Amino acid sequence: MSKDDSGGAGSILLAFLLGAVSGAAFALLYAPATGRETREFLGEKAREGRDMANEVAQKGRQAIAQGRETLSTAIDRGREAYQQARSRENA
């Protein structure tokens, strides 16, 4: 009586994606706007999405740079503390 759930997550993701695509297609087909208005709206939303993605990527790069700086500072302080402890030990 073994249960095989190996494809569970994949099938759920596929069902979600198919639902999202079919929902978007249905919404576009039955939208009260003209084709031109819909294209302009989609273009505007795509630009907003691109700008938002660029902003998030920039924040991520800044966070990584800050993390590197913090790590570098911690390593330098650790080296200094080690050398001070070593010089006290030899004195």
PDB file of N, CA and C in Angstrom:
ATOM      1  N   MET A   1       0.816  -1.184   0.000  1.00  0.00           N
ATOM      2  CA  MET A   1       0.000   0.000   0.000  1.00  0.00           C
ATOM      3  C   MET A   1       0.863   1.252   0.000  1.00  0.00           C
ATOM      4  N   SER A   2       1.777   1.335  -0.919  1.00  0.00           N
ATOM      5  CA  SER A   2       2.610   2.532  -0.998  1.00  0.00           C
ATOM      6  C   SER A   2       1.910   3.583  -1.848  1.00  0.00           C
ATOM      7  N   LYS A   3       2.215   4.801  -1.511  1.00  0.00           N
ATOM      8  CA  LYS A   3       1.581   5.934  -2.187  1.00  0.00           C
ATOM      9  C   LYS A   3       2.661   6.680  -2.956  1.00  0.00           C
ATOM     10  N   ASP A   4       2.453   6.938  -4.242  1.00  0.00           N
ATOM     11  CA  ASP A   4       3.452   7.607  -5.081  1.00  0.00           C
ATOM     12  C   ASP A   4       3.069   9.065  -5.265  1.00  0.00           C
ATOM     13  N   ASP A   5       3.781   9.979  -4.571  1.00  0.00           N
ATOM     14  CA  ASP A   5       3.524  11.415  -4.671  1.00  0.00           C
ATOM     15  C   ASP A   5       4.647  12.126  -5.396  1.00  0.00           C
ATOM     16  N   SER A   6       5.400  11.424  -6.227  1.00  0.00           N
ATOM     17  CA  SER A   6       6.574  12.019  -6.849  1.00  0.00           C
ATOM     18  C   SER A   6       6.231  13.152  -7.807  1.00  0.00           C
ATOM     19  N   GLY A   7       5.094  13.136  -8.451  1.00  0.00           N
ATOM     20  CA  GLY A   7       4.729  14.187  -9.390  1.00  0.00           C
ATOM     21  C   GLY A   7       3.765  15.193  -8.817  1.00  0.00           C
ATOM     22  N   GLY A   8       3.521  15.193  -7.526  1.00  0.00           N
ATOM     23  CA  GLY A   8       2.532  16.063  -6.909  1.00  0.00           C
ATOM     24  C   GLY A   8       2.814  17.536  -7.094  1.00  0.00           C
ATOM     25  N   ALA A   9       4.013  17.968  -6.756  1.00  0.00           N
ATOM     26  CA  ALA A   9       4.340  19.392  -6.841  1.00  0.00           C
ATOM     27  C   ALA A   9       4.361  19.857  -8.287  1.00  0.00           C
ATOM     28  N   GLY A  10       4.894  19.042  -9.165  1.00  0.00           N
ATOM     29  CA  GLY A  10       4.950  19.410 -10.577  1.00  0.00           C
ATOM     30  C   GLY A  10       3.578  19.546 -11.197  1.00  0.00           C
ATOM     31  N   SER A  11       2.687  18.618 -10.867  1.00  0.00           N
ATOM     32  CA  SER A  11       1.344  18.678 -11.443  1.00  0.00           C
ATOM     33  C   SER A  11       0.555  19.853 -10.871  1.00  0.00           C
ATOM     34  N   ILE A  12       0.782  20.178  -9.612  1.00  0.00           N
ATOM     35  CA  ILE A  12       0.100  21.329  -9.015  1.00  0.00           C
ATOM     36  C   ILE A  12       0.576  22.618  -9.676  1.00  0.00           C
ATOM     37  N   LEU A  13       1.882  22.735  -9.900  1.00  0.00           N
ATOM     38  CA  LEU A  13       2.438  23.921 -10.557  1.00  0.00           C
ATOM     39  C   LEU A  13       1.917  24.039 -11.978  1.00  0.00           C
ATOM     40  N   LEU A  14       1.879  22.919 -12.705  1.00  0.00           N
ATOM     41  CA  LEU A  14       1.363  22.928 -14.063  1.00  0.00           C
ATOM     42  C   LEU A  14      -0.102  23.350 -14.087  1.00  0.00           C
ATOM     43  N   ALA A  15      -0.900  22.836 -13.173  1.00  0.00           N
ATOM     44  CA  ALA A  15      -2.317  23.204 -13.111  1.00  0.00           C
ATOM     45  C   ALA A  15      -2.471  24.690 -12.807  1.00  0.00           C
ATOM     46  N   PHE A  16      -1.643  25.204 -11.911  1.00  0.00           N
ATOM     47  CA  PHE A  16      -1.701  26.634 -11.587  1.00  0.00           C
ATOM     48  C   PHE A  16      -1.361  27.479 -12.812  1.00  0.00           C
ATOM     49  N   LEU A  17      -0.272  27.118 -13.502  1.00  0.00           N
ATOM     50  CA  LEU A  17       0.125  27.879 -14.686  1.00  0.00           C
ATOM     51  C   LEU A  17      -0.935  27.830 -15.780  1.00  0.00           C
ATOM     52  N   LEU A  18      -1.500  26.655 -16.017  1.00  0.00           N
ATOM     53  CA  LEU A  18      -2.559  26.542 -17.019  1.00  0.00           C
ATOM     54  C   LEU A  18      -3.777  27.373 -16.633  1.00  0.00           C
ATOM     55  N   GLY A  19      -4.115  27.376 -15.367  1.00  0.00           N
ATOM     56  CA  GLY A  19      -5.235  28.188 -14.898  1.00  0.00           C
ATOM     57  C   GLY A  19      -4.968  29.672 -15.060  1.00  0.00           C
ATOM     58  N   ALA A  20      -3.742  30.087 -14.755  1.00  0.00           N
ATOM     59  CA  ALA A  20      -3.385  31.501 -14.889  1.00  0.00           C
ATOM     60  C   ALA A  20      -3.426  31.942 -16.344  1.00  0.00           C
ATOM     61  N   VAL A  21      -2.887  31.118 -17.241  1.00  0.00           N
ATOM     62  CA  VAL A  21      -2.882  31.466 -18.668  1.00  0.00           C
ATOM     63  C   VAL A  21      -4.298  31.489 -19.223  1.00  0.00           C
ATOM     64  N   SER A  22      -5.093  30.475 -18.890  1.00  0.00           N
ATOM     65  CA  SER A  22      -6.463  30.455 -19.412  1.00  0.00           C
ATOM     66  C   SER A  22      -7.288  31.604 -18.820  1.00  0.00           C
ATOM     67  N   GLY A  23      -7.064  31.946 -17.570  1.00  0.00           N
ATOM     68  CA  GLY A  23      -7.766  33.080 -16.969  1.00  0.00           C
ATOM     69  C   GLY A  23      -7.388  34.395 -17.626  1.00  0.00           C
ATOM     70  N   ALA A  24      -6.104  34.561 -17.916  1.00  0.00           N
ATOM     71  CA  ALA A  24      -5.658  35.783 -18.585  1.00  0.00           C
ATOM     72  C   ALA A  24      -6.239  35.865 -19.988  1.00  0.00           C
ATOM     73  N   ALA A  25      -6.239  34.753 -20.705  1.00  0.00           N
ATOM     74  CA  ALA A  25      -6.804  34.739 -22.054  1.00  0.00           C
ATOM     75  C   ALA A  25      -8.298  35.061 -22.020  1.00  0.00           C
ATOM     76  N   PHE A  26      -9.015  34.470 -21.099  1.00  0.00           N
ATOM     77  CA  PHE A  26     -10.442  34.725 -20.958  1.00  0.00           C
ATOM     78  C   PHE A  26     -10.693  36.203 -20.651  1.00  0.00           C
ATOM     79  N   ALA A  27      -9.898  36.757 -19.748  1.00  0.00           N
ATOM     80  CA  ALA A  27     -10.067  38.166 -19.378  1.00  0.00           C
ATOM     81  C   ALA A  27      -9.813  39.079 -20.565  1.00  0.00           C
ATOM     82  N   LEU A  28      -8.796  38.763 -21.367  1.00  0.00           N
ATOM     83  CA  LEU A  28      -8.505  39.600 -22.536  1.00  0.00           C
ATOM     84  C   LEU A  28      -9.588  39.482 -23.596  1.00  0.00           C
ATOM     85  N   LEU A  29     -10.123  38.290 -23.770  1.00  0.00           N
ATOM     86  CA  LEU A  29     -11.162  38.097 -24.786  1.00  0.00           C
ATOM     87  C   LEU A  29     -12.459  38.809 -24.424  1.00  0.00           C
ATOM     88  N   TYR A  30     -12.790  38.856 -23.161  1.00  0.00           N
ATOM     89  CA  TYR A  30     -14.046  39.445 -22.735  1.00  0.00           C
ATOM     90  C   TYR A  30     -13.889  40.821 -22.089  1.00  0.00           C
ATOM     91  N   ALA A  31     -12.746  41.428 -22.297  1.00  0.00           N
ATOM     92  CA  ALA A  31     -12.502  42.761 -21.735  1.00  0.00           C
ATOM     93  C   ALA A  31     -13.361  43.791 -22.456  1.00  0.00           C
ATOM     94  N   PRO A  32     -13.839  44.790 -21.735  1.00  0.00           N
ATOM     95  CA  PRO A  32     -14.687  45.800 -22.366  1.00  0.00           C
ATOM     96  C   PRO A  32     -13.887  46.826 -23.184  1.00  0.00           C
ATOM     97  N   ALA A  33     -12.569  46.733 -23.205  1.00  0.00           N
ATOM     98  CA  ALA A  33     -11.745  47.696 -23.926  1.00  0.00           C
ATOM     99  C   ALA A  33     -11.476  47.200 -25.347  1.00  0.00           C
ATOM    100  N   THR A  34     -11.090  48.144 -26.221  1.00  0.00           N
ATOM    101  CA  THR A  34     -10.732  47.780 -27.588  1.00  0.00           C
ATOM    102  C   THR A  34      -9.359  47.118 -27.600  1.00  0.00           C
ATOM    103  N   GLY A  35      -9.003  46.551 -28.732  1.00  0.00           N
ATOM    104  CA  GLY A  35      -7.701  45.902 -28.862  1.00  0.00           C
ATOM    105  C   GLY A  35      -6.557  46.866 -28.611  1.00  0.00           C
ATOM    106  N   ARG A  36      -6.663  48.060 -29.167  1.00  0.00           N
ATOM    107  CA  ARG A  36      -5.602  49.060 -28.985  1.00  0.00           C
ATOM    108  C   ARG A  36      -5.463  49.437 -27.513  1.00  0.00           C
ATOM    109  N   GLU A  37      -6.585  49.675 -26.852  1.00  0.00           N
ATOM    110  CA  GLU A  37      -6.551  50.029 -25.424  1.00  0.00           C
ATOM    111  C   GLU A  37      -5.947  48.896 -24.597  1.00  0.00           C
ATOM    112  N   THR A  38      -6.324  47.679 -24.946  1.00  0.00           N
ATOM    113  CA  THR A  38      -5.791  46.527 -24.215  1.00  0.00           C
ATOM    114  C   THR A  38      -4.287  46.409 -24.420  1.00  0.00           C
ATOM    115  N   ARG A  39      -3.822  46.582 -25.668  1.00  0.00           N
ATOM    116  CA  ARG A  39      -2.384  46.517 -25.943  1.00  0.00           C
ATOM    117  C   ARG A  39      -1.632  47.621 -25.200  1.00  0.00           C
ATOM    118  N   GLU A  40      -2.197  48.818 -25.193  1.00  0.00           N
ATOM    119  CA  GLU A  40      -1.553  49.920 -24.466  1.00  0.00           C
ATOM    120  C   GLU A  40      -1.496  49.622 -22.972  1.00  0.00           C
ATOM    121  N   PHE A  41      -2.588  49.092 -22.442  1.00  0.00           N
ATOM    122  CA  PHE A  41      -2.632  48.737 -21.022  1.00  0.00           C
ATOM    123  C   PHE A  41      -1.590  47.674 -20.705  1.00  0.00           C
ATOM    124  N   LEU A  42      -1.536  46.627 -21.530  1.00  0.00           N
ATOM    125  CA  LEU A  42      -0.560  45.561 -21.304  1.00  0.00           C
ATOM    126  C   LEU A  42       0.875  46.079 -21.434  1.00  0.00           C
ATOM    127  N   GLY A  43       1.106  46.972 -22.410  1.00  0.00           N
ATOM    128  CA  GLY A  43       2.435  47.562 -22.565  1.00  0.00           C
ATOM    129  C   GLY A  43       2.827  48.388 -21.350  1.00  0.00           C
ATOM    130  N   GLU A  44       1.874  49.144 -20.840  1.00  0.00           N
ATOM    131  CA  GLU A  44       2.132  49.955 -19.644  1.00  0.00           C
ATOM    132  C   GLU A  44       2.447  49.072 -18.441  1.00  0.00           C
ATOM    133  N   LYS A  45       1.666  48.020 -18.276  1.00  0.00           N
ATOM    134  CA  LYS A  45       1.905  47.109 -17.146  1.00  0.00           C
ATOM    135  C   LYS A  45       3.240  46.382 -17.307  1.00  0.00           C
ATOM    136  N   ALA A  46       3.595  46.045 -18.542  1.00  0.00           N
ATOM    137  CA  ALA A  46       4.884  45.388 -18.778  1.00  0.00           C
ATOM    138  C   ALA A  46       6.035  46.332 -18.425  1.00  0.00           C
ATOM    139  N   ARG A  47       5.902  47.604 -18.803  1.00  0.00           N
ATOM    140  CA  ARG A  47       6.947  48.587 -18.451  1.00  0.00           C
ATOM    141  C   ARG A  47       7.036  48.763 -16.938  1.00  0.00           C
ATOM    142  N   GLU A  48       5.879  48.823 -16.280  1.00  0.00           N
ATOM    143  CA  GLU A  48       5.879  48.938 -14.817  1.00  0.00           C
ATOM    144  C   GLU A  48       6.542  47.726 -14.182  1.00  0.00           C
ATOM    145  N   GLY A  49       6.237  46.550 -14.708  1.00  0.00           N
ATOM    146  CA  GLY A  49       6.844  45.329 -14.190  1.00  0.00           C
ATOM    147  C   GLY A  49       8.348  45.310 -14.400  1.00  0.00           C
ATOM    148  N   ARG A  50       8.781  45.754 -15.577  1.00  0.00           N
ATOM    149  CA  ARG A  50      10.216  45.822 -15.867  1.00  0.00           C
ATOM    150  C   ARG A  50      10.900  46.810 -14.935  1.00  0.00           C
ATOM    151  N   ASP A  51      10.291  47.967 -14.748  1.00  0.00           N
ATOM    152  CA  ASP A  51      10.878  48.969 -13.848  1.00  0.00           C
ATOM    153  C   ASP A  51      10.954  48.446 -12.412  1.00  0.00           C
ATOM    154  N   MET A  52       9.902  47.753 -11.989  1.00  0.00           N
ATOM    155  CA  MET A  52       9.886  47.205 -10.637  1.00  0.00           C
ATOM    156  C   MET A  52      10.965  46.117 -10.490  1.00  0.00           C
ATOM    157  N   ALA A  53      11.110  45.279 -11.516  1.00  0.00           N
ATOM    158  CA  ALA A  53      12.140  44.234 -11.473  1.00  0.00           C
ATOM    159  C   ALA A  53      13.535  44.857 -11.426  1.00  0.00           C
ATOM    160  N   ASN A  54      13.747  45.925 -12.203  1.00  0.00           N
ATOM    161  CA  ASN A  54      15.041  46.607 -12.176  1.00  0.00           C
ATOM    162  C   ASN A  54      15.320  47.210 -10.800  1.00  0.00           C
ATOM    163  N   GLU A  55      14.291  47.778 -10.194  1.00  0.00           N
ATOM    164  CA  GLU A  55      14.443  48.373  -8.864  1.00  0.00           C
ATOM    165  C   GLU A  55      14.784  47.304  -7.817  1.00  0.00           C
ATOM    166  N   VAL A  56      14.094  46.173  -7.895  1.00  0.00           N
ATOM    167  CA  VAL A  56      14.367  45.079  -6.960  1.00  0.00           C
ATOM    168  C   VAL A  56      15.780  44.535  -7.178  1.00  0.00           C
ATOM    169  N   ALA A  57      16.182  44.413  -8.440  1.00  0.00           N
ATOM    170  CA  ALA A  57      17.531  43.928  -8.735  1.00  0.00           C
ATOM    171  C   ALA A  57      18.577  44.900  -8.201  1.00  0.00           C
ATOM    172  N   GLN A  58      18.335  46.197  -8.343  1.00  0.00           N
ATOM    173  CA  GLN A  58      19.267  47.194  -7.826  1.00  0.00           C
ATOM    174  C   GLN A  58      19.379  47.108  -6.308  1.00  0.00           C
ATOM    175  N   LYS A  59      18.243  46.949  -5.640  1.00  0.00           N
ATOM    176  CA  LYS A  59      18.260  46.803  -4.181  1.00  0.00           C
ATOM    177  C   LYS A  59      19.005  45.538  -3.778  1.00  0.00           C
ATOM    178  N   GLY A  60      18.829  44.475  -4.549  1.00  0.00           N
ATOM    179  CA  GLY A  60      19.541  43.234  -4.273  1.00  0.00           C
ATOM    180  C   GLY A  60      21.039  43.409  -4.423  1.00  0.00           C
ATOM    181  N   ARG A  61      21.452  44.113  -5.479  1.00  0.00           N
ATOM    182  CA  ARG A  61      22.893  44.373  -5.676  1.00  0.00           C
ATOM    183  C   ARG A  61      23.448  45.210  -4.535  1.00  0.00           C
ATOM    184  N   GLN A  62      22.674  46.196  -4.082  1.00  0.00           N
ATOM    185  CA  GLN A  62      23.121  47.016  -2.958  1.00  0.00           C
ATOM    186  C   GLN A  62      23.235  46.189  -1.682  1.00  0.00           C
ATOM    187  N   ALA A  63      22.285  45.302  -1.460  1.00  0.00           N
ATOM    188  CA  ALA A  63      22.326  44.452  -0.259  1.00  0.00           C
ATOM    189  C   ALA A  63      23.534  43.519  -0.311  1.00  0.00           C
ATOM    190  N   ILE A  64      23.833  42.982  -1.478  1.00  0.00           N
ATOM    191  CA  ILE A  64      24.993  42.102  -1.620  1.00  0.00           C
ATOM    192  C   ILE A  64      26.275  42.879  -1.374  1.00  0.00           C
ATOM    193  N   ALA A  65      26.373  44.090  -1.934  1.00  0.00           N
ATOM    194  CA  ALA A  65      27.565  44.915  -1.722  1.00  0.00           C
ATOM    195  C   ALA A  65      27.737  45.245  -0.241  1.00  0.00           C
ATOM    196  N   GLN A  66      26.649  45.571   0.421  1.00  0.00           N
ATOM    197  CA  GLN A  66      26.710  45.878   1.847  1.00  0.00           C
ATOM    198  C   GLN A  66      27.115  44.641   2.647  1.00  0.00           C
ATOM    199  N   GLY A  67      26.593  43.492   2.273  1.00  0.00           N
ATOM    200  CA  GLY A  67      26.959  42.248   2.941  1.00  0.00           C
ATOM    201  C   GLY A  67      28.436  41.930   2.761  1.00  0.00           C
ATOM    202  N   ARG A  68      28.953  42.156   1.560  1.00  0.00           N
ATOM    203  CA  ARG A  68      30.386  41.937   1.317  1.00  0.00           C
ATOM    204  C   ARG A  68      31.227  42.865   2.183  1.00  0.00           C
ATOM    205  N   GLU A  69      30.797  44.113   2.256  1.00  0.00           N
ATOM    206  CA  GLU A  69      31.543  45.089   3.054  1.00  0.00           C
ATOM    207  C   GLU A  69      31.531  44.690   4.533  1.00  0.00           C
ATOM    208  N   THR A  70      30.384  44.279   5.020  1.00  0.00           N
ATOM    209  CA  THR A  70      30.276  43.854   6.415  1.00  0.00           C
ATOM    210  C   THR A  70      31.149  42.636   6.681  1.00  0.00           C
ATOM    211  N   LEU A  71      31.127  41.686   5.771  1.00  0.00           N
ATOM    212  CA  LEU A  71      31.943  40.486   5.918  1.00  0.00           C
ATOM    213  C   LEU A  71      33.424  40.826   5.881  1.00  0.00           C
ATOM    214  N   SER A  72      33.800  41.700   4.977  1.00  0.00           N
ATOM    215  CA  SER A  72      35.204  42.112   4.875  1.00  0.00           C
ATOM    216  C   SER A  72      35.658  42.797   6.161  1.00  0.00           C
ATOM    217  N   THR A  73      34.818  43.654   6.698  1.00  0.00           N
ATOM    218  CA  THR A  73      35.138  44.341   7.952  1.00  0.00           C
ATOM    219  C   THR A  73      35.271  43.335   9.099  1.00  0.00           C
ATOM    220  N   ALA A  74      34.369  42.384   9.146  1.00  0.00           N
ATOM    221  CA  ALA A  74      34.421  41.363  10.205  1.00  0.00           C
ATOM    222  C   ALA A  74      35.686  40.531  10.096  1.00  0.00           C
ATOM    223  N   ILE A  75      36.079  40.177   8.893  1.00  0.00           N
ATOM    224  CA  ILE A  75      37.306  39.396   8.694  1.00  0.00           C
ATOM    225  C   ILE A  75      38.523  40.208   9.124  1.00  0.00           C
ATOM    226  N   ASP A  76      38.563  41.486   8.733  1.00  0.00           N
ATOM    227  CA  ASP A  76      39.689  42.343   9.128  1.00  0.00           C
ATOM    228  C   ASP A  76      39.776  42.475  10.645  1.00  0.00           C
ATOM    229  N   ARG A  77      38.655  42.671  11.290  1.00  0.00           N
ATOM    230  CA  ARG A  77      38.653  42.786  12.757  1.00  0.00           C
ATOM    231  C   ARG A  77      39.074  41.474  13.413  1.00  0.00           C
ATOM    232  N   GLY A  78      38.652  40.370  12.842  1.00  0.00           N
ATOM    233  CA  GLY A  78      39.056  39.073  13.363  1.00  0.00           C
ATOM    234  C   GLY A  78      40.557  38.861  13.244  1.00  0.00           C
ATOM    235  N   ARG A  79      41.120  39.258  12.109  1.00  0.00           N
ATOM    236  CA  ARG A  79      42.573  39.154  11.931  1.00  0.00           C
ATOM    237  C   ARG A  79      43.317  40.022  12.943  1.00  0.00           C
ATOM    238  N   GLU A  80      42.822  41.231  13.129  1.00  0.00           N
ATOM    239  CA  GLU A  80      43.465  42.139  14.093  1.00  0.00           C
ATOM    240  C   GLU A  80      43.409  41.551  15.501  1.00  0.00           C
ATOM    241  N   ALA A  81      42.260  41.027  15.884  1.00  0.00           N
ATOM    242  CA  ALA A  81      42.111  40.445  17.216  1.00  0.00           C
ATOM    243  C   ALA A  81      43.023  39.235  17.372  1.00  0.00           C
ATOM    244  N   TYR A  82      43.124  38.429  16.330  1.00  0.00           N
ATOM    245  CA  TYR A  82      44.011  37.264  16.375  1.00  0.00           C
ATOM    246  C   TYR A  82      45.465  37.696  16.546  1.00  0.00           C
ATOM    247  N   GLN A  83      45.878  38.695  15.780  1.00  0.00           N
ATOM    248  CA  GLN A  83      47.266  39.155  15.862  1.00  0.00           C
ATOM    249  C   GLN A  83      47.554  39.798  17.219  1.00  0.00           C
ATOM    250  N   GLN A  84      46.605  40.534  17.779  1.00  0.00           N
ATOM    251  CA  GLN A  84      46.793  41.122  19.093  1.00  0.00           C
ATOM    252  C   GLN A  84      46.897  40.033  20.154  1.00  0.00           C
ATOM    253  N   ALA A  85      46.046  39.024  20.064  1.00  0.00           N
ATOM    254  CA  ALA A  85      46.103  37.942  21.029  1.00  0.00           C
ATOM    255  C   ALA A  85      47.412  37.168  20.891  1.00  0.00           C
ATOM    256  N   ARG A  86      47.859  37.007  19.701  1.00  0.00           N
ATOM    257  CA  ARG A  86      49.118  36.291  19.456  1.00  0.00           C
ATOM    258  C   ARG A  86      50.305  37.072  19.962  1.00  0.00           C
ATOM    259  N   SER A  87      50.297  38.402  19.785  1.00  0.00           N
ATOM    260  CA  SER A  87      51.417  39.224  20.249  1.00  0.00           C
ATOM    261  C   SER A  87      51.434  39.273  21.776  1.00  0.00           C
ATOM    262  N   ARG A  88      50.266  39.263  22.410  1.00  0.00           N
ATOM    263  CA  ARG A  88      50.212  39.212  23.886  1.00  0.00           C
ATOM    264  C   ARG A  88      50.754  37.879  24.397  1.00  0.00           C
ATOM    265  N   GLU A  89      50.466  36.832  23.656  1.00  0.00           N
ATOM    266  CA  GLU A  89      50.903  35.494  24.050  1.00  0.00           C
ATOM    267  C   GLU A  89      52.440  35.362  23.955  1.00  0.00           C
ATOM    268  N   ASN A  90      53.018  35.998  22.963  1.00  0.00           N
ATOM    269  CA  ASN A  90      54.465  35.923  22.756  1.00  0.00           C
ATOM    270  C   ASN A  90      55.220  36.897  23.679  1.00  0.00           C
ATOM    271  N   ALA A  91      54.556  37.862  24.229  1.00  0.00           N
ATOM    272  CA  ALA A  91      55.232  38.849  25.062  1.00  0.00           C
ATOM    273  C   ALA A  91      55.441  38.404  26.474  1.00  0.00           C
TER     274      ALA A  91
END
